[in-house]
Protein backbone atom coordinates (compact mmCIF):
# COMPACT_ATOMS: atom_id res chain seq x y z
CA MET A 1 84.00 39.78 -168.50
CA GLU A 2 87.10 40.48 -171.48
CA SER A 3 86.71 39.28 -174.52
CA GLY A 4 89.02 36.21 -175.67
CA LEU A 5 92.72 36.36 -175.79
CA THR A 6 94.48 35.72 -179.16
CA TYR A 7 98.10 34.73 -179.88
CA GLU A 8 98.41 37.76 -182.03
CA GLU A 9 97.86 39.28 -178.24
CA ILE A 10 99.69 36.91 -176.92
CA VAL A 11 103.05 37.97 -178.88
CA GLU A 12 102.56 41.48 -178.84
CA ILE A 13 102.21 41.45 -174.62
CA LEU A 14 105.37 38.92 -174.63
CA LEU A 15 107.46 41.03 -176.41
CA ARG A 16 106.21 44.43 -174.88
CA GLN A 17 105.18 43.83 -171.56
CA GLU A 18 107.76 45.94 -169.92
CA GLU A 19 106.55 49.31 -172.04
CA LEU A 20 102.98 48.15 -172.05
CA LEU A 21 103.18 47.98 -167.84
CA GLU A 22 105.19 51.42 -168.17
CA LEU A 23 102.44 53.41 -170.92
CA TYR A 24 99.62 52.37 -168.64
CA ARG A 25 101.31 53.65 -165.40
CA SER A 26 101.54 56.95 -167.09
CA GLN A 27 98.20 56.79 -168.70
CA LEU A 28 97.36 56.48 -165.81
CA LYS A 29 99.04 59.15 -163.39
CA GLU A 30 97.90 61.27 -166.40
CA LEU A 31 94.00 60.46 -165.84
CA THR A 32 94.65 60.28 -162.26
CA LYS A 33 95.92 64.23 -162.16
CA GLU A 34 92.96 65.22 -164.72
CA TYR A 35 90.12 63.91 -162.32
CA ASP A 36 91.94 65.38 -159.64
CA ALA A 37 92.26 68.77 -161.53
CA ASP A 38 88.59 68.97 -162.10
CA ASP A 39 88.06 69.99 -158.74
CA GLU A 40 89.61 73.07 -159.14
CA LEU A 41 86.46 73.52 -161.86
CA ILE A 42 83.93 72.81 -159.37
CA GLU A 43 85.08 75.23 -157.01
CA LEU A 44 85.59 77.91 -159.61
CA THR A 45 81.99 77.42 -160.72
CA GLN A 46 80.57 77.43 -156.67
CA LEU A 47 82.73 80.28 -156.06
CA ARG A 48 80.35 81.95 -158.85
CA SER A 49 77.33 79.95 -158.60
CA PRO A 50 74.29 82.78 -157.72
CA ARG A 51 73.09 79.72 -155.78
CA LEU A 52 75.84 80.74 -153.55
CA GLY A 53 75.28 84.01 -152.27
CA VAL A 54 76.47 86.05 -154.94
CA THR A 55 73.54 88.76 -156.10
CA GLY A 56 72.73 90.63 -159.10
CA GLY A 57 70.03 91.54 -161.23
CA GLY A 58 67.12 89.20 -161.51
CA SER A 59 67.89 88.34 -165.05
CA ASN A 60 71.35 87.85 -164.69
CA GLN A 61 71.22 85.62 -161.79
CA LYS A 62 68.98 83.58 -164.17
CA GLY A 63 71.56 83.79 -166.84
CA LEU A 64 74.69 82.70 -164.16
CA ASP A 65 73.36 80.15 -162.47
CA GLN A 66 71.76 78.74 -166.29
CA ILE A 67 75.61 79.00 -167.14
CA CYS A 68 77.05 77.37 -163.88
CA GLN A 69 74.33 74.44 -164.07
CA ALA A 70 76.02 74.05 -168.11
CA VAL A 71 79.23 74.03 -166.63
CA GLU A 72 78.33 71.79 -163.72
CA GLN A 73 76.86 68.90 -166.75
CA GLN A 74 79.97 69.43 -168.81
CA ARG A 75 81.89 68.61 -165.76
CA LYS A 76 80.62 65.54 -164.80
CA ALA A 77 80.11 64.25 -168.25
CA TYR A 78 84.10 64.73 -168.27
CA ARG A 79 84.58 63.06 -165.02
CA GLU A 80 83.07 60.39 -166.14
CA ALA A 81 84.18 59.93 -169.42
CA VAL A 82 88.20 60.31 -167.49
CA TYR A 83 86.87 57.80 -165.51
CA GLU A 84 85.77 55.22 -167.94
CA GLU A 85 89.33 55.89 -169.94
CA MET A 86 91.01 55.21 -166.50
CA GLN A 87 89.00 51.93 -166.16
CA ARG A 88 90.09 50.63 -169.85
CA VAL A 89 93.61 51.58 -169.05
CA LEU A 90 93.42 49.45 -166.22
CA ALA A 91 92.09 46.43 -167.93
CA ALA A 92 94.79 46.85 -170.05
CA TYR A 93 97.33 47.02 -167.38
CA ASN A 94 95.72 43.88 -165.79
CA ARG A 95 95.67 42.15 -169.31
CA VAL A 96 99.20 42.33 -169.55
CA GLN A 97 99.66 41.02 -165.73
CA LYS A 98 97.02 37.85 -166.19
CA VAL A 99 99.75 37.18 -169.46
CA HIS A 100 102.11 37.07 -167.78
CA LEU A 101 101.26 35.02 -164.58
CA CYS A 102 99.81 32.34 -167.17
CA TYR A 103 103.25 32.87 -168.57
CA LEU A 104 104.82 32.10 -165.10
CA HIS A 105 103.22 28.85 -164.78
CA LEU A 106 103.97 26.58 -168.36
CA PRO A 107 105.81 24.20 -168.31
CA GLN A 108 109.84 24.34 -168.53
CA LYS A 109 110.33 24.00 -172.04
CA GLN A 110 107.57 25.69 -173.29
CA LYS A 111 108.16 28.93 -171.32
CA ALA A 112 112.07 28.71 -172.46
CA VAL A 113 110.78 28.84 -176.17
CA LEU A 114 108.36 31.44 -175.49
CA GLU A 115 111.19 33.26 -173.54
CA GLY A 116 113.80 32.56 -176.18
CA LEU A 117 111.56 33.61 -179.27
CA TYR A 118 109.30 37.11 -177.95
CA ILE A 119 111.44 38.08 -174.62
CA LYS A 120 115.16 37.52 -175.59
CA LYS A 121 113.93 38.30 -179.04
CA LYS A 122 116.27 35.31 -180.73
CA MET A 123 115.42 33.21 -183.80
CA TYR A 124 113.95 29.84 -184.41
CA LYS A 125 117.60 28.88 -185.68
CA GLU A 126 119.65 30.64 -182.83
CA LEU A 127 117.45 27.92 -180.12
CA GLU A 128 118.31 25.04 -181.82
CA GLY A 129 120.15 22.20 -180.15
CA PRO A 130 120.20 18.72 -179.02
CA GLY A 131 116.73 17.71 -179.17
CA LEU A 132 115.42 20.66 -180.14
CA SER A 133 114.14 21.01 -183.82
CA GLU A 134 112.71 24.12 -185.45
CA THR A 135 109.82 21.53 -185.70
CA THR A 136 109.65 20.58 -182.17
CA ILE A 137 110.47 24.66 -181.20
CA HIS A 138 107.41 25.09 -183.24
CA ARG A 139 105.28 22.47 -181.54
CA LEU A 140 106.28 24.08 -178.11
CA ARG A 141 105.85 27.49 -179.06
CA ARG A 142 102.01 26.57 -180.46
CA GLN A 143 101.46 24.57 -177.08
CA ALA A 144 102.76 27.47 -174.92
CA LEU A 145 100.53 30.00 -176.69
CA LYS A 146 97.26 27.36 -176.50
CA ASN A 147 97.79 27.09 -172.70
CA ILE A 148 98.12 31.09 -172.02
CA GLN A 149 95.28 31.44 -174.26
CA ASP A 150 93.46 28.37 -172.08
CA TRP A 151 94.67 29.75 -169.14
CA TYR A 152 93.70 33.41 -169.63
CA ASN A 153 90.10 32.80 -171.29
CA ALA A 154 88.90 30.16 -168.41
CA GLY A 155 90.14 32.50 -166.08
CA ARG A 156 92.34 30.20 -164.13
CA PHE A 157 94.66 31.86 -161.91
CA GLU A 158 92.37 34.46 -160.87
CA GLU A 159 91.64 32.64 -157.97
CA GLN A 160 95.61 32.90 -156.74
CA LYS A 161 95.71 36.11 -157.48
CA ARG A 162 93.10 37.17 -155.07
CA SER A 163 94.78 35.09 -152.47
CA VAL A 164 98.09 36.68 -152.81
CA GLN A 165 96.28 40.15 -152.87
CA LYS A 166 94.26 39.13 -149.37
CA ILE A 167 97.71 38.00 -147.91
CA GLY A 168 98.97 41.16 -149.06
CA LYS A 169 96.30 43.16 -147.67
CA ASP A 170 96.62 40.90 -144.34
CA THR A 171 99.95 41.36 -143.41
CA ASN A 172 100.06 44.61 -144.92
CA TRP A 173 102.54 44.50 -146.97
CA LYS A 174 104.20 47.74 -148.20
CA GLU A 175 105.82 48.11 -151.59
CA GLY A 176 109.77 47.03 -151.58
CA SER A 177 109.17 45.68 -148.18
CA ASP A 178 110.74 42.81 -146.93
CA ARG A 179 108.67 39.67 -147.52
CA ARG A 180 110.19 36.57 -146.10
């Protein structure tokens, strides 16, 4: 299970949500290419492998076989490292999405305060109005961050997310398709 979420992390995600998601998408694309490019190395080592029909002198063949085994071990270790990095980036991507889902479920006043402060990047004074003092804004902000933190750490919307994913799979939704 993921570690607890801090207020600072929530604020960072709200401030930079689109930027973070784009960064993680880009990293995943690069890592996927790197993971797939490893297949070319496999083919090259297999073409030169003495075990696959390339013959030579006894000691030369053993030397080539050892090199191929070493390359294979390095390739496997590298591919595992790339896969682990893909998992880390995917977890970070999902973390941003879960925080946003929690944000979307906030009560209207709390959501409006966070939107004003972190998405529209307004100052407290700019949000003040009738019935909305600086003290009230600060209280609503703190309540909103606590709600997001509590909901996130409790996995409150995990079941809803799985249900939506299941519905999407059952109805064969395509990205950008009409979902009426």
